[in-house]
N, C-alpha and C. Protein backbone atom coordinates (compact mmCIF):
# COMPACT_ATOMS: atom_id res chain seq x y z
N MET A 1 -4.74 -108.16 22.80
CA MET A 1 -4.49 -109.36 22.04
C MET A 1 -4.13 -109.01 20.59
N ALA A 2 -4.83 -108.04 20.00
CA ALA A 2 -4.55 -107.66 18.61
C ALA A 2 -3.14 -107.10 18.47
N ALA A 3 -2.67 -106.40 19.50
CA ALA A 3 -1.32 -105.85 19.44
C ALA A 3 -0.28 -106.95 19.39
N LEU A 4 -0.54 -108.05 20.07
CA LEU A 4 0.40 -109.16 20.06
C LEU A 4 0.47 -109.81 18.69
N ILE A 5 -0.63 -109.80 17.97
CA ILE A 5 -0.65 -110.38 16.63
C ILE A 5 0.00 -109.43 15.63
N ALA A 6 -0.22 -108.14 15.80
CA ALA A 6 0.28 -107.15 14.85
C ALA A 6 1.80 -107.05 14.87
N VAL A 7 2.41 -107.21 16.02
CA VAL A 7 3.85 -107.06 16.11
C VAL A 7 4.59 -108.08 15.24
N PRO A 8 4.27 -109.38 15.31
CA PRO A 8 4.98 -110.32 14.44
C PRO A 8 4.72 -110.07 12.95
N VAL A 9 3.53 -109.64 12.61
CA VAL A 9 3.22 -109.37 11.21
C VAL A 9 4.08 -108.22 10.71
N LEU A 10 4.18 -107.16 11.50
CA LEU A 10 4.99 -106.03 11.10
C LEU A 10 6.47 -106.41 11.03
N ALA A 11 6.90 -107.24 11.94
CA ALA A 11 8.30 -107.64 11.96
C ALA A 11 8.66 -108.48 10.73
N THR A 12 7.75 -109.32 10.28
CA THR A 12 8.07 -110.16 9.13
C THR A 12 7.88 -109.43 7.81
N SER A 13 6.97 -108.47 7.76
CA SER A 13 6.74 -107.77 6.50
C SER A 13 7.86 -106.78 6.21
N GLY A 14 8.58 -106.35 7.19
CA GLY A 14 9.66 -105.39 6.98
C GLY A 14 10.84 -105.99 6.24
N CYS A 15 11.02 -107.29 6.29
CA CYS A 15 12.18 -107.89 5.65
C CYS A 15 11.80 -108.72 4.42
N ALA A 16 10.63 -108.49 3.90
CA ALA A 16 10.17 -109.29 2.76
C ALA A 16 11.01 -109.06 1.52
N HIS A 17 11.54 -107.87 1.33
CA HIS A 17 12.32 -107.55 0.14
C HIS A 17 13.80 -107.39 0.44
N SER A 18 14.24 -107.82 1.59
CA SER A 18 15.63 -107.62 1.96
C SER A 18 16.59 -108.47 1.14
N GLY A 19 16.11 -109.51 0.49
CA GLY A 19 16.98 -110.39 -0.27
C GLY A 19 17.22 -109.92 -1.70
N SER A 20 16.63 -108.81 -2.10
CA SER A 20 16.80 -108.37 -3.48
C SER A 20 18.21 -107.83 -3.69
N SER A 21 18.76 -108.07 -4.86
CA SER A 21 20.13 -107.63 -5.14
C SER A 21 20.18 -106.18 -5.60
N THR A 22 19.05 -105.64 -6.06
CA THR A 22 19.07 -104.27 -6.56
C THR A 22 19.00 -103.26 -5.44
N GLY A 23 18.38 -103.63 -4.33
CA GLY A 23 18.29 -102.71 -3.21
C GLY A 23 17.21 -101.66 -3.41
N SER A 24 16.50 -101.71 -4.50
CA SER A 24 15.44 -100.73 -4.73
C SER A 24 14.15 -101.20 -4.09
N ALA A 25 13.26 -100.26 -3.90
CA ALA A 25 11.96 -100.58 -3.31
C ALA A 25 11.13 -101.36 -4.32
N ALA A 26 10.14 -102.04 -3.81
CA ALA A 26 9.24 -102.80 -4.68
C ALA A 26 8.49 -101.83 -5.58
N PRO A 27 8.18 -102.23 -6.79
CA PRO A 27 7.44 -101.33 -7.68
C PRO A 27 6.06 -101.03 -7.13
N ALA A 28 5.61 -99.82 -7.36
CA ALA A 28 4.30 -99.41 -6.87
C ALA A 28 3.21 -100.13 -7.64
N ALA A 29 2.13 -100.40 -6.95
CA ALA A 29 0.99 -101.05 -7.59
C ALA A 29 0.33 -100.07 -8.56
N SER A 30 -0.26 -100.60 -9.57
CA SER A 30 -0.95 -99.78 -10.56
C SER A 30 -2.09 -99.03 -9.89
N SER A 31 -2.23 -97.76 -10.21
CA SER A 31 -3.29 -96.97 -9.60
C SER A 31 -4.63 -97.25 -10.25
N THR A 32 -4.64 -97.88 -11.40
CA THR A 32 -5.88 -98.21 -12.09
C THR A 32 -6.08 -99.72 -12.05
N PRO A 33 -7.13 -100.18 -11.33
CA PRO A 33 -7.35 -101.63 -11.28
C PRO A 33 -7.80 -102.15 -12.63
N ALA A 34 -7.56 -103.42 -12.86
CA ALA A 34 -7.97 -104.05 -14.11
C ALA A 34 -9.49 -104.09 -14.19
N ALA A 35 -10.02 -103.93 -15.37
CA ALA A 35 -11.47 -103.97 -15.56
C ALA A 35 -11.97 -105.40 -15.35
N PRO A 36 -13.11 -105.54 -14.71
CA PRO A 36 -13.66 -106.89 -14.51
C PRO A 36 -14.10 -107.50 -15.84
N SER A 37 -14.09 -108.82 -15.90
CA SER A 37 -14.51 -109.52 -17.11
C SER A 37 -16.03 -109.48 -17.23
N GLY A 38 -16.53 -109.90 -18.36
CA GLY A 38 -17.98 -109.94 -18.57
C GLY A 38 -18.69 -110.84 -17.57
N ASP A 39 -18.07 -112.00 -17.27
CA ASP A 39 -18.67 -112.91 -16.29
C ASP A 39 -18.71 -112.27 -14.91
N GLN A 40 -17.63 -111.56 -14.54
CA GLN A 40 -17.60 -110.90 -13.25
C GLN A 40 -18.65 -109.80 -13.17
N LEU A 41 -18.81 -109.06 -14.26
CA LEU A 41 -19.83 -108.02 -14.28
C LEU A 41 -21.22 -108.62 -14.13
N GLN A 42 -21.47 -109.73 -14.79
CA GLN A 42 -22.76 -110.39 -14.70
C GLN A 42 -23.01 -110.85 -13.26
N GLN A 43 -22.00 -111.42 -12.62
CA GLN A 43 -22.15 -111.87 -11.24
C GLN A 43 -22.40 -110.69 -10.31
N MET A 44 -21.69 -109.60 -10.53
CA MET A 44 -21.90 -108.40 -9.71
C MET A 44 -23.32 -107.87 -9.89
N GLN A 45 -23.79 -107.85 -11.13
CA GLN A 45 -25.14 -107.35 -11.40
C GLN A 45 -26.18 -108.23 -10.73
N GLN A 46 -25.96 -109.55 -10.75
CA GLN A 46 -26.89 -110.46 -10.08
C GLN A 46 -26.92 -110.21 -8.58
N LYS A 47 -25.76 -109.94 -8.00
CA LYS A 47 -25.71 -109.64 -6.56
C LYS A 47 -26.42 -108.33 -6.25
N VAL A 48 -26.23 -107.33 -7.11
CA VAL A 48 -26.91 -106.06 -6.92
C VAL A 48 -28.42 -106.25 -7.03
N ASP A 49 -28.86 -107.00 -8.03
CA ASP A 49 -30.28 -107.27 -8.21
C ASP A 49 -30.86 -108.00 -7.00
N ALA A 50 -30.14 -108.99 -6.49
CA ALA A 50 -30.61 -109.74 -5.33
C ALA A 50 -30.69 -108.84 -4.10
N ALA A 51 -29.70 -107.99 -3.92
CA ALA A 51 -29.72 -107.07 -2.79
C ALA A 51 -30.87 -106.08 -2.90
N GLN A 52 -31.12 -105.59 -4.10
CA GLN A 52 -32.24 -104.66 -4.31
C GLN A 52 -33.57 -105.35 -4.04
N SER A 53 -33.68 -106.59 -4.49
CA SER A 53 -34.91 -107.35 -4.25
C SER A 53 -35.13 -107.56 -2.75
N ALA A 54 -34.06 -107.88 -2.03
CA ALA A 54 -34.17 -108.07 -0.58
C ALA A 54 -34.55 -106.77 0.11
N ALA A 55 -33.97 -105.66 -0.34
CA ALA A 55 -34.31 -104.36 0.25
C ALA A 55 -35.76 -104.00 -0.03
N ASP A 56 -36.23 -104.28 -1.25
CA ASP A 56 -37.62 -104.02 -1.59
C ASP A 56 -38.57 -104.87 -0.74
N ALA A 57 -38.22 -106.13 -0.53
CA ALA A 57 -39.04 -107.02 0.30
C ALA A 57 -39.07 -106.52 1.74
N ALA A 58 -37.94 -106.06 2.24
CA ALA A 58 -37.89 -105.53 3.60
C ALA A 58 -38.74 -104.27 3.72
N ASP A 59 -38.70 -103.43 2.70
CA ASP A 59 -39.54 -102.22 2.70
C ASP A 59 -41.02 -102.59 2.72
N ARG A 60 -41.41 -103.57 1.90
CA ARG A 60 -42.82 -103.99 1.87
C ARG A 60 -43.23 -104.57 3.23
N ASP A 61 -42.35 -105.36 3.82
CA ASP A 61 -42.63 -105.96 5.11
C ASP A 61 -42.78 -104.88 6.18
N ALA A 62 -41.90 -103.90 6.17
CA ALA A 62 -41.98 -102.81 7.14
C ALA A 62 -43.25 -101.99 6.94
N ALA A 63 -43.62 -101.77 5.69
CA ALA A 63 -44.83 -101.01 5.39
C ALA A 63 -46.07 -101.76 5.88
N SER A 64 -46.10 -103.08 5.69
CA SER A 64 -47.25 -103.85 6.15
C SER A 64 -47.30 -103.92 7.66
N ASP A 65 -46.14 -103.95 8.31
CA ASP A 65 -46.10 -103.96 9.78
C ASP A 65 -46.63 -102.63 10.32
N SER A 66 -46.23 -101.53 9.72
CA SER A 66 -46.67 -100.22 10.22
C SER A 66 -48.14 -99.97 9.90
N ALA A 67 -48.66 -100.57 8.83
CA ALA A 67 -50.06 -100.43 8.49
C ALA A 67 -50.94 -101.17 9.49
N GLY A 68 -50.40 -102.21 10.08
CA GLY A 68 -51.15 -103.02 11.04
C GLY A 68 -51.20 -102.39 12.42
N ASN A 69 -50.43 -101.37 12.68
CA ASN A 69 -50.42 -100.74 14.02
C ASN A 69 -51.52 -99.80 14.18
């Protein structure tokens, strides 16, 4: 099933730049991504903190389960 979906995608992506008058390839993407904004960094840090908190809680839960055996 995935092969049936991939074929039309490949067929349409091959002609995406065929209408250009220059005939040159599309410019390469920048190898250096843009730096995230302060708000984005804060959101990422909050996600990291929440994930760490969840991991710590799972560790405590596992430790209490093994202590009960």
